[in-house]
């Protein structure tokens, strides 16, 4: 998660806001406290492949 967010040049807050994840979830994923739920993996994979397209679709 951290590597993806860093590759996109986003802070945790920006990533959470842009892709509509709770900030606390992004923080917990990056700190290793929790893993993304199975239903969250599909959007994360889409973000990793086409971040601009998905961000545009969510705005």
N, C-alpha and C. Protein backbone atom coordinates (compact mmCIF):
# COMPACT_ATOMS: atom_id res chain seq x y z
N UNK A 1 0.83 -1.18 0.00
CA UNK A 1 0.00 0.00 0.00
C UNK A 1 0.87 1.25 0.00
N UNK A 2 1.85 1.27 0.89
CA UNK A 2 2.73 2.44 0.98
C UNK A 2 3.41 2.70 -0.36
N UNK A 3 3.92 1.63 -1.00
CA UNK A 3 4.63 1.79 -2.26
C UNK A 3 3.72 2.36 -3.34
N UNK A 4 2.50 1.90 -3.40
CA UNK A 4 1.54 2.41 -4.38
C UNK A 4 1.27 3.89 -4.14
N UNK A 5 1.02 4.24 -2.91
CA UNK A 5 0.73 5.64 -2.58
C UNK A 5 1.93 6.53 -2.88
N UNK A 6 3.11 6.06 -2.54
CA UNK A 6 4.33 6.83 -2.81
C UNK A 6 4.55 6.99 -4.32
N UNK A 7 4.30 5.93 -5.06
CA UNK A 7 4.46 5.99 -6.52
C UNK A 7 3.54 7.04 -7.13
N UNK A 8 2.37 7.20 -6.53
CA UNK A 8 1.41 8.20 -7.00
C UNK A 8 1.72 9.59 -6.46
N UNK A 9 2.66 9.68 -5.52
CA UNK A 9 3.05 10.97 -4.97
C UNK A 9 1.99 11.59 -4.08
N UNK A 10 1.26 10.75 -3.36
CA UNK A 10 0.16 11.23 -2.53
C UNK A 10 0.45 11.01 -1.05
N UNK A 11 -0.05 11.90 -0.22
CA UNK A 11 -0.03 11.66 1.22
C UNK A 11 -1.13 10.66 1.54
N UNK A 12 -1.12 10.16 2.77
CA UNK A 12 -2.19 9.26 3.18
C UNK A 12 -3.55 9.94 3.05
N UNK A 13 -3.61 11.19 3.46
CA UNK A 13 -4.86 11.93 3.40
C UNK A 13 -5.34 12.10 1.96
N UNK A 14 -4.42 12.44 1.07
CA UNK A 14 -4.79 12.64 -0.34
C UNK A 14 -5.25 11.33 -0.96
N UNK A 15 -4.54 10.24 -0.68
CA UNK A 15 -4.91 8.93 -1.22
C UNK A 15 -6.30 8.54 -0.73
N UNK A 16 -6.54 8.69 0.56
CA UNK A 16 -7.84 8.33 1.13
C UNK A 16 -8.96 9.16 0.51
N UNK A 17 -8.74 10.45 0.39
CA UNK A 17 -9.76 11.34 -0.17
C UNK A 17 -10.01 11.03 -1.64
N UNK A 18 -8.94 10.90 -2.41
CA UNK A 18 -9.07 10.69 -3.86
C UNK A 18 -9.80 9.39 -4.19
N UNK A 19 -9.47 8.34 -3.44
CA UNK A 19 -10.03 7.02 -3.77
C UNK A 19 -11.13 6.58 -2.80
N UNK A 20 -11.55 7.51 -1.94
CA UNK A 20 -12.69 7.29 -1.05
C UNK A 20 -12.52 6.11 -0.09
N UNK A 21 -11.35 6.05 0.51
CA UNK A 21 -11.11 5.10 1.59
C UNK A 21 -11.08 5.88 2.89
N UNK A 22 -11.50 5.29 3.98
CA UNK A 22 -11.33 5.98 5.26
C UNK A 22 -9.83 6.16 5.55
N UNK A 23 -9.46 7.33 6.01
CA UNK A 23 -8.06 7.60 6.33
C UNK A 23 -7.54 6.59 7.33
N UNK A 24 -8.35 6.24 8.31
CA UNK A 24 -7.91 5.28 9.32
C UNK A 24 -7.58 3.92 8.69
N UNK A 25 -8.30 3.53 7.66
CA UNK A 25 -8.01 2.27 6.98
C UNK A 25 -6.67 2.33 6.27
N UNK A 26 -6.42 3.42 5.56
CA UNK A 26 -5.14 3.58 4.86
C UNK A 26 -4.00 3.51 5.87
N UNK A 27 -4.15 4.19 6.99
CA UNK A 27 -3.12 4.19 8.03
C UNK A 27 -2.91 2.78 8.59
N UNK A 28 -3.98 2.08 8.87
CA UNK A 28 -3.87 0.73 9.42
C UNK A 28 -3.25 -0.24 8.43
N UNK A 29 -3.59 -0.12 7.14
CA UNK A 29 -2.99 -0.98 6.12
C UNK A 29 -1.49 -0.75 6.05
N UNK A 30 -1.10 0.50 6.03
CA UNK A 30 0.32 0.82 5.89
C UNK A 30 1.12 0.43 7.13
N UNK A 31 0.51 0.51 8.29
CA UNK A 31 1.21 0.17 9.52
C UNK A 31 1.17 -1.33 9.81
N UNK A 32 0.44 -2.07 8.99
CA UNK A 32 0.36 -3.51 9.15
C UNK A 32 -0.60 -3.98 10.23
N UNK A 33 -1.42 -3.07 10.74
CA UNK A 33 -2.39 -3.46 11.76
C UNK A 33 -3.54 -4.26 11.16
N UNK A 34 -3.89 -3.95 9.93
CA UNK A 34 -4.98 -4.64 9.24
C UNK A 34 -4.59 -4.84 7.79
N UNK A 35 -5.24 -5.80 7.17
CA UNK A 35 -5.10 -6.02 5.74
C UNK A 35 -6.38 -5.55 5.07
N UNK A 36 -6.29 -5.09 3.84
CA UNK A 36 -7.52 -4.71 3.14
C UNK A 36 -8.47 -5.91 3.03
N UNK A 37 -9.74 -5.65 3.19
CA UNK A 37 -10.75 -6.70 3.05
C UNK A 37 -10.74 -7.22 1.61
N UNK A 38 -11.17 -8.46 1.40
CA UNK A 38 -11.18 -9.00 0.04
C UNK A 38 -11.90 -8.11 -0.97
N UNK A 39 -12.99 -7.48 -0.57
CA UNK A 39 -13.72 -6.60 -1.48
C UNK A 39 -12.99 -5.31 -1.80
N UNK A 40 -11.98 -4.98 -1.02
CA UNK A 40 -11.19 -3.77 -1.25
C UNK A 40 -10.03 -4.04 -2.19
N UNK A 41 -9.65 -5.30 -2.33
CA UNK A 41 -8.49 -5.62 -3.17
C UNK A 41 -8.73 -5.28 -4.64
N UNK A 42 -9.93 -5.48 -5.14
CA UNK A 42 -10.21 -5.17 -6.55
C UNK A 42 -10.00 -3.69 -6.85
N UNK A 43 -10.57 -2.78 -6.05
CA UNK A 43 -10.30 -1.36 -6.31
C UNK A 43 -8.82 -1.01 -6.16
N UNK A 44 -8.13 -1.62 -5.21
CA UNK A 44 -6.70 -1.32 -5.04
C UNK A 44 -5.90 -1.78 -6.26
N UNK A 45 -6.25 -2.93 -6.80
CA UNK A 45 -5.57 -3.40 -8.02
C UNK A 45 -5.86 -2.47 -9.19
N UNK A 46 -7.09 -2.00 -9.29
CA UNK A 46 -7.44 -1.06 -10.36
C UNK A 46 -6.66 0.24 -10.20
N UNK A 47 -6.53 0.72 -8.97
CA UNK A 47 -5.76 1.95 -8.72
C UNK A 47 -4.32 1.74 -9.14
N UNK A 48 -3.76 0.59 -8.83
CA UNK A 48 -2.35 0.35 -9.17
C UNK A 48 -2.13 0.29 -10.67
N UNK A 49 -3.15 -0.10 -11.41
CA UNK A 49 -3.01 -0.23 -12.87
C UNK A 49 -3.38 1.05 -13.61
N UNK A 50 -4.45 1.72 -13.20
CA UNK A 50 -4.93 2.92 -13.90
C UNK A 50 -5.40 3.95 -12.89
N UNK A 51 -4.46 4.54 -12.16
CA UNK A 51 -4.85 5.45 -11.08
C UNK A 51 -5.62 6.68 -11.54
N UNK A 52 -5.24 7.26 -12.66
CA UNK A 52 -5.92 8.48 -13.12
C UNK A 52 -7.34 8.18 -13.57
N UNK A 53 -7.53 7.07 -14.25
CA UNK A 53 -8.87 6.72 -14.73
C UNK A 53 -9.81 6.48 -13.56
N UNK A 54 -9.33 5.79 -12.55
CA UNK A 54 -10.20 5.51 -11.41
C UNK A 54 -10.47 6.76 -10.60
N UNK A 55 -9.47 7.61 -10.43
CA UNK A 55 -9.69 8.86 -9.70
C UNK A 55 -10.72 9.72 -10.43
N UNK A 56 -10.64 9.76 -11.76
CA UNK A 56 -11.60 10.53 -12.54
C UNK A 56 -13.01 9.97 -12.43
N UNK A 57 -13.12 8.66 -12.38
CA UNK A 57 -14.44 8.03 -12.27
C UNK A 57 -15.07 8.31 -10.91
N UNK A 58 -14.26 8.51 -9.90
CA UNK A 58 -14.78 8.75 -8.55
C UNK A 58 -15.08 10.20 -8.27
N UNK A 59 -14.60 11.09 -9.14
CA UNK A 59 -14.83 12.52 -8.86
C UNK A 59 -16.14 13.01 -9.42
